[in-house]
């Protein structure tokens, strides 16, 4: 397999309640293409994050960097997996919200799937954007000033959003495309 993303660094911000497949599949896809991926959480390095398969507890994942130690400028993309509890808890973490907000200022791609776009609302990044998500977020995203549509993947400048696990292949492809474009092309 070609290493199209060799030298790229990707932050994946998550915590307990993450939809396991929405963390594992994008990470594997990006790493297979040469990217370095780091699990960032509002926990200490070495602590565990509990994954879920819908409502059933799944695997645990080791935190590779605490969010307060992470520097947005060290990464080429940010991925926000979903699951209901994960982004809901992240929205209550001032450090997590600040990380997303500061990351957006880098001009690099921001990708969120399922309930992940909830965090974009708290970071003040939704107004004027075209997005998709798990259907239950439609009202929240619309109330925050976004334009929501029910599509597998929506790309609005450097923002990539997707609805659910079935959409992960298209979501992954759009992340790869965004990481492969020259940085000046990101809006």
C-alpha atoms as a PDB file:
ATOM      1  CA  UNK A   1       0.000   0.000   0.000  1.00  0.00           C
ATOM      2  CA  UNK A   2       1.268   3.462  -0.894  1.00  0.00           C
ATOM      3  CA  UNK A   3       2.224   5.608   2.083  1.00  0.00           C
ATOM      4  CA  UNK A   4       0.355   8.680   0.836  1.00  0.00           C
ATOM      5  CA  UNK A   5       0.252  10.228   4.320  1.00  0.00           C
ATOM      6  CA  UNK A   6       3.862   9.602   5.352  1.00  0.00           C
ATOM      7  CA  UNK A   7       5.006  12.394   7.677  1.00  0.00           C
ATOM      8  CA  UNK A   8       1.468  13.523   8.564  1.00  0.00           C
ATOM      9  CA  UNK A   9       0.437  13.707  12.236  1.00  0.00           C
ATOM     10  CA  UNK A  10      -3.205  13.237  13.209  1.00  0.00           C
ATOM     11  CA  UNK A  11      -4.782  13.934  16.593  1.00  0.00           C
ATOM     12  CA  UNK A  12      -7.810  11.860  17.571  1.00  0.00           C
ATOM     13  CA  UNK A  13      -9.589  13.472  20.512  1.00  0.00           C
ATOM     14  CA  UNK A  14     -11.834  11.145  22.519  1.00  0.00           C
ATOM     15  CA  UNK A  15     -12.818   9.923  25.954  1.00  0.00           C
ATOM     16  CA  UNK A  16     -14.972   7.262  27.624  1.00  0.00           C
ATOM     17  CA  UNK A  17     -18.034   6.329  25.608  1.00  0.00           C
ATOM     18  CA  UNK A  18     -16.367   6.624  22.210  1.00  0.00           C
ATOM     19  CA  UNK A  19     -17.991   4.535  19.487  1.00  0.00           C
ATOM     20  CA  UNK A  20     -15.170   2.024  19.113  1.00  0.00           C
ATOM     21  CA  UNK A  21     -15.401   1.513  15.344  1.00  0.00           C
ATOM     22  CA  UNK A  22     -15.345   5.293  14.757  1.00  0.00           C
ATOM     23  CA  UNK A  23     -11.971   5.413  16.516  1.00  0.00           C
ATOM     24  CA  UNK A  24     -10.409   2.149  15.341  1.00  0.00           C
ATOM     25  CA  UNK A  25     -11.248   2.187  11.622  1.00  0.00           C
ATOM     26  CA  UNK A  26     -10.124   5.767  10.856  1.00  0.00           C
ATOM     27  CA  UNK A  27      -6.963   5.247  12.915  1.00  0.00           C
ATOM     28  CA  UNK A  28      -6.102   2.016  11.099  1.00  0.00           C
ATOM     29  CA  UNK A  29      -6.838   3.590   7.705  1.00  0.00           C
ATOM     30  CA  UNK A  30      -4.620   6.605   8.405  1.00  0.00           C
ATOM     31  CA  UNK A  31      -1.774   4.531   9.873  1.00  0.00           C
ATOM     32  CA  UNK A  32      -1.849   2.127   6.914  1.00  0.00           C
ATOM     33  CA  UNK A  33      -1.180   5.145   4.700  1.00  0.00           C
ATOM     34  CA  UNK A  34       1.780   6.265   6.794  1.00  0.00           C
ATOM     35  CA  UNK A  35       0.245   8.845   9.142  1.00  0.00           C
ATOM     36  CA  UNK A  36       1.213   8.988  12.800  1.00  0.00           C
ATOM     37  CA  UNK A  37      -1.964   8.999  14.886  1.00  0.00           C
ATOM     38  CA  UNK A  38      -2.166  10.001  18.535  1.00  0.00           C
ATOM     39  CA  UNK A  39      -5.040   9.376  20.969  1.00  0.00           C
ATOM     40  CA  UNK A  40      -5.587  12.576  22.944  1.00  0.00           C
ATOM     41  CA  UNK A  41      -7.968  12.712  25.905  1.00  0.00           C
ATOM     42  CA  UNK A  42      -8.809  14.802  28.960  1.00  0.00           C
ATOM     43  CA  UNK A  43      -7.035  12.144  31.021  1.00  0.00           C
ATOM     44  CA  UNK A  44      -3.418  11.475  31.925  1.00  0.00           C
ATOM     45  CA  UNK A  45      -1.085   9.745  29.500  1.00  0.00           C
ATOM     46  CA  UNK A  46      -1.278   5.999  30.112  1.00  0.00           C
ATOM     47  CA  UNK A  47      -4.825   6.047  31.478  1.00  0.00           C
ATOM     48  CA  UNK A  48      -7.550   4.156  29.630  1.00  0.00           C
ATOM     49  CA  UNK A  49     -10.518   5.312  27.560  1.00  0.00           C
ATOM     50  CA  UNK A  50     -13.512   2.958  27.461  1.00  0.00           C
ATOM     51  CA  UNK A  51     -14.800   2.194  23.983  1.00  0.00           C
ATOM     52  CA  UNK A  52     -18.363   1.107  23.231  1.00  0.00           C
ATOM     53  CA  UNK A  53     -20.090  -0.856  20.516  1.00  0.00           C
ATOM     54  CA  UNK A  54     -23.307   1.165  20.548  1.00  0.00           C
ATOM     55  CA  UNK A  55     -24.451   0.620  24.168  1.00  0.00           C
ATOM     56  CA  UNK A  56     -22.205  -2.361  24.959  1.00  0.00           C
ATOM     57  CA  UNK A  57     -18.777  -1.751  26.536  1.00  0.00           C
ATOM     58  CA  UNK A  58     -15.968  -2.722  24.187  1.00  0.00           C
ATOM     59  CA  UNK A  59     -12.197  -2.366  24.293  1.00  0.00           C
ATOM     60  CA  UNK A  60     -10.146   0.069  26.311  1.00  0.00           C
ATOM     61  CA  UNK A  61      -7.578   2.320  24.634  1.00  0.00           C
ATOM     62  CA  UNK A  62      -4.494   3.899  26.161  1.00  0.00           C
ATOM     63  CA  UNK A  63      -4.252   7.694  26.238  1.00  0.00           C
ATOM     64  CA  UNK A  64      -1.105   8.710  24.356  1.00  0.00           C
ATOM     65  CA  UNK A  65      -1.238  12.406  25.255  1.00  0.00           C
ATOM     66  CA  UNK A  66      -3.273  14.408  27.746  1.00  0.00           C
ATOM     67  CA  UNK A  67      -5.232  17.162  26.028  1.00  0.00           C
ATOM     68  CA  UNK A  68      -3.604  19.834  28.219  1.00  0.00           C
ATOM     69  CA  UNK A  69      -0.183  18.686  26.946  1.00  0.00           C
ATOM     70  CA  UNK A  70      -1.213  18.588  23.281  1.00  0.00           C
ATOM     71  CA  UNK A  71      -0.324  21.486  20.982  1.00  0.00           C
ATOM     72  CA  UNK A  72      -2.667  21.960  18.000  1.00  0.00           C
ATOM     73  CA  UNK A  73       0.172  23.206  15.802  1.00  0.00           C
ATOM     74  CA  UNK A  74       1.893  19.797  16.127  1.00  0.00           C
ATOM     75  CA  UNK A  75      -0.812  18.058  14.072  1.00  0.00           C
ATOM     76  CA  UNK A  76      -1.902  18.076  10.438  1.00  0.00           C
ATOM     77  CA  UNK A  77      -5.507  16.993  11.127  1.00  0.00           C
ATOM     78  CA  UNK A  78      -7.964  16.482  13.963  1.00  0.00           C
ATOM     79  CA  UNK A  79     -10.464  13.604  14.030  1.00  0.00           C
ATOM     80  CA  UNK A  80     -13.429  13.597  16.432  1.00  0.00           C
ATOM     81  CA  UNK A  81     -15.066  10.155  16.719  1.00  0.00           C
ATOM     82  CA  UNK A  82     -18.617   9.875  17.978  1.00  0.00           C
ATOM     83  CA  UNK A  83     -20.623   7.758  20.339  1.00  0.00           C
ATOM     84  CA  UNK A  84     -23.164   9.615  22.451  1.00  0.00           C
ATOM     85  CA  UNK A  85     -21.260   9.821  25.761  1.00  0.00           C
ATOM     86  CA  UNK A  86     -17.834  10.634  24.275  1.00  0.00           C
ATOM     87  CA  UNK A  87     -18.533  14.057  22.699  1.00  0.00           C
ATOM     88  CA  UNK A  88     -21.022  14.909  25.430  1.00  0.00           C
ATOM     89  CA  UNK A  89     -18.263  14.501  28.040  1.00  0.00           C
ATOM     90  CA  UNK A  90     -15.696  16.281  25.857  1.00  0.00           C
ATOM     91  CA  UNK A  91     -18.013  19.311  25.609  1.00  0.00           C
ATOM     92  CA  UNK A  92     -17.762  19.643  29.392  1.00  0.00           C
ATOM     93  CA  UNK A  93     -13.953  19.651  29.295  1.00  0.00           C
ATOM     94  CA  UNK A  94     -12.728  23.232  28.911  1.00  0.00           C
ATOM     95  CA  UNK A  95      -9.328  21.933  27.756  1.00  0.00           C
ATOM     96  CA  UNK A  96     -10.898  19.714  25.079  1.00  0.00           C
ATOM     97  CA  UNK A  97     -13.075  22.544  23.747  1.00  0.00           C
ATOM     98  CA  UNK A  98     -10.072  24.917  23.756  1.00  0.00           C
ATOM     99  CA  UNK A  99      -7.976  22.332  21.894  1.00  0.00           C
ATOM    100  CA  UNK A 100     -10.610  22.038  19.142  1.00  0.00           C
ATOM    101  CA  UNK A 101     -11.033  25.807  18.939  1.00  0.00           C
ATOM    102  CA  UNK A 102      -7.276  26.425  18.779  1.00  0.00           C
ATOM    103  CA  UNK A 103      -6.824  23.571  16.308  1.00  0.00           C
ATOM    104  CA  UNK A 104      -9.342  25.177  13.962  1.00  0.00           C
ATOM    105  CA  UNK A 105      -7.131  28.278  13.915  1.00  0.00           C
ATOM    106  CA  UNK A 106      -4.262  26.229  12.396  1.00  0.00           C
ATOM    107  CA  UNK A 107      -6.157  25.921   9.107  1.00  0.00           C
ATOM    108  CA  UNK A 108      -5.744  22.124   9.082  1.00  0.00           C
ATOM    109  CA  UNK A 109      -8.579  19.631   8.411  1.00  0.00           C
ATOM    110  CA  UNK A 110     -11.114  18.894  11.163  1.00  0.00           C
ATOM    111  CA  UNK A 111     -13.142  15.686  10.745  1.00  0.00           C
ATOM    112  CA  UNK A 112     -16.075  14.672  12.965  1.00  0.00           C
ATOM    113  CA  UNK A 113     -18.378  11.671  12.686  1.00  0.00           C
ATOM    114  CA  UNK A 114     -21.707  10.690  14.257  1.00  0.00           C
ATOM    115  CA  UNK A 115     -22.109  12.697  17.507  1.00  0.00           C
ATOM    116  CA  UNK A 116     -18.596  14.188  17.131  1.00  0.00           C
ATOM    117  CA  UNK A 117     -19.918  17.465  15.661  1.00  0.00           C
ATOM    118  CA  UNK A 118     -21.387  18.310  19.090  1.00  0.00           C
ATOM    119  CA  UNK A 119     -17.877  19.364  20.067  1.00  0.00           C
ATOM    120  CA  UNK A 120     -17.734  21.710  17.058  1.00  0.00           C
ATOM    121  CA  UNK A 121     -20.764  23.549  18.471  1.00  0.00           C
ATOM    122  CA  UNK A 122     -19.049  24.180  21.809  1.00  0.00           C
ATOM    123  CA  UNK A 123     -15.885  25.285  20.029  1.00  0.00           C
ATOM    124  CA  UNK A 124     -17.893  27.896  18.075  1.00  0.00           C
ATOM    125  CA  UNK A 125     -17.138  26.351  14.675  1.00  0.00           C
ATOM    126  CA  UNK A 126     -20.582  25.536  13.258  1.00  0.00           C
ATOM    127  CA  UNK A 127     -22.080  28.882  12.232  1.00  0.00           C
ATOM    128  CA  UNK A 128     -22.243  29.202   8.457  1.00  0.00           C
ATOM    129  CA  UNK A 129     -20.996  25.642   7.861  1.00  0.00           C
ATOM    130  CA  UNK A 130     -22.629  22.848   5.875  1.00  0.00           C
ATOM    131  CA  UNK A 131     -22.489  19.654   7.976  1.00  0.00           C
ATOM    132  CA  UNK A 132     -23.908  16.226   8.568  1.00  0.00           C
ATOM    133  CA  UNK A 133     -24.031  14.043  11.670  1.00  0.00           C
ATOM    134  CA  UNK A 134     -26.065  11.397  13.413  1.00  0.00           C
ATOM    135  CA  UNK A 135     -29.671  12.562  12.749  1.00  0.00           C
ATOM    136  CA  UNK A 136     -30.382  13.487  16.382  1.00  0.00           C
ATOM    137  CA  UNK A 137     -27.871  16.363  16.126  1.00  0.00           C
ATOM    138  CA  UNK A 138     -29.701  18.070  13.246  1.00  0.00           C
ATOM    139  CA  UNK A 139     -31.546  20.533  15.515  1.00  0.00           C
ATOM    140  CA  UNK A 140     -28.451  21.291  17.611  1.00  0.00           C
ATOM    141  CA  UNK A 141     -26.311  21.991  14.552  1.00  0.00           C
ATOM    142  CA  UNK A 142     -29.039  24.069  12.905  1.00  0.00           C
ATOM    143  CA  UNK A 143     -29.596  26.076  16.104  1.00  0.00           C
ATOM    144  CA  UNK A 144     -25.848  26.743  16.201  1.00  0.00           C
ATOM    145  CA  UNK A 145     -26.055  28.320  12.738  1.00  0.00           C
ATOM    146  CA  UNK A 146     -25.056  25.357  10.603  1.00  0.00           C
ATOM    147  CA  UNK A 147     -26.806  23.922   7.556  1.00  0.00           C
ATOM    148  CA  UNK A 148     -27.454  20.209   8.109  1.00  0.00           C
ATOM    149  CA  UNK A 149     -28.105  17.595   5.409  1.00  0.00           C
ATOM    150  CA  UNK A 150     -28.507  13.828   5.582  1.00  0.00           C
ATOM    151  CA  UNK A 151     -25.551  12.720   3.454  1.00  0.00           C
ATOM    152  CA  UNK A 152     -22.828  10.117   4.096  1.00  0.00           C
ATOM    153  CA  UNK A 153     -20.081  12.753   4.111  1.00  0.00           C
ATOM    154  CA  UNK A 154     -20.123  16.536   3.825  1.00  0.00           C
ATOM    155  CA  UNK A 155     -16.984  18.528   3.081  1.00  0.00           C
ATOM    156  CA  UNK A 156     -17.138  22.271   3.755  1.00  0.00           C
ATOM    157  CA  UNK A 157     -13.689  23.730   3.222  1.00  0.00           C
ATOM    158  CA  UNK A 158     -11.445  21.944   5.693  1.00  0.00           C
ATOM    159  CA  UNK A 159     -14.364  20.597   7.774  1.00  0.00           C
ATOM    160  CA  UNK A 160     -15.364  16.978   7.096  1.00  0.00           C
ATOM    161  CA  UNK A 161     -18.440  15.502   8.766  1.00  0.00           C
ATOM    162  CA  UNK A 162     -20.104  12.124   8.511  1.00  0.00           C
ATOM    163  CA  UNK A 163     -23.201  10.396   9.911  1.00  0.00           C
ATOM    164  CA  UNK A 164     -22.454   6.892  11.197  1.00  0.00           C
ATOM    165  CA  UNK A 165     -20.210   3.802  11.103  1.00  0.00           C
ATOM    166  CA  UNK A 166     -21.549   2.707   7.694  1.00  0.00           C
ATOM    167  CA  UNK A 167     -20.093   5.937   6.259  1.00  0.00           C
ATOM    168  CA  UNK A 168     -16.560   5.384   7.604  1.00  0.00           C
ATOM    169  CA  UNK A 169     -15.014   4.321   4.251  1.00  0.00           C
ATOM    170  CA  UNK A 170     -16.121   7.593   2.601  1.00  0.00           C
ATOM    171  CA  UNK A 171     -15.194   9.570   5.724  1.00  0.00           C
ATOM    172  CA  UNK A 172     -11.687   8.069   5.683  1.00  0.00           C
ATOM    173  CA  UNK A 173     -11.233   8.839   1.980  1.00  0.00           C
ATOM    174  CA  UNK A 174     -12.143  12.487   2.533  1.00  0.00           C
ATOM    175  CA  UNK A 175      -9.693  12.786   5.439  1.00  0.00           C
ATOM    176  CA  UNK A 176      -6.959  11.333   3.236  1.00  0.00           C
ATOM    177  CA  UNK A 177      -7.815  13.761   0.410  1.00  0.00           C
ATOM    178  CA  UNK A 178      -7.769  16.722   2.803  1.00  0.00           C
ATOM    179  CA  UNK A 179      -4.388  15.681   4.203  1.00  0.00           C
ATOM    180  CA  UNK A 180      -3.006  15.250   0.686  1.00  0.00           C
ATOM    181  CA  UNK A 181      -3.945  18.768  -0.497  1.00  0.00           C
ATOM    182  CA  UNK A 182      -1.524  21.662  -0.144  1.00  0.00           C
ATOM    183  CA  UNK A 183      -2.262  23.571   3.061  1.00  0.00           C
ATOM    184  CA  UNK A 184      -3.015  26.802   1.199  1.00  0.00           C
ATOM    185  CA  UNK A 185      -6.105  25.134  -0.249  1.00  0.00           C
ATOM    186  CA  UNK A 186      -7.822  24.825   3.138  1.00  0.00           C
ATOM    187  CA  UNK A 187     -10.455  27.442   3.916  1.00  0.00           C
END
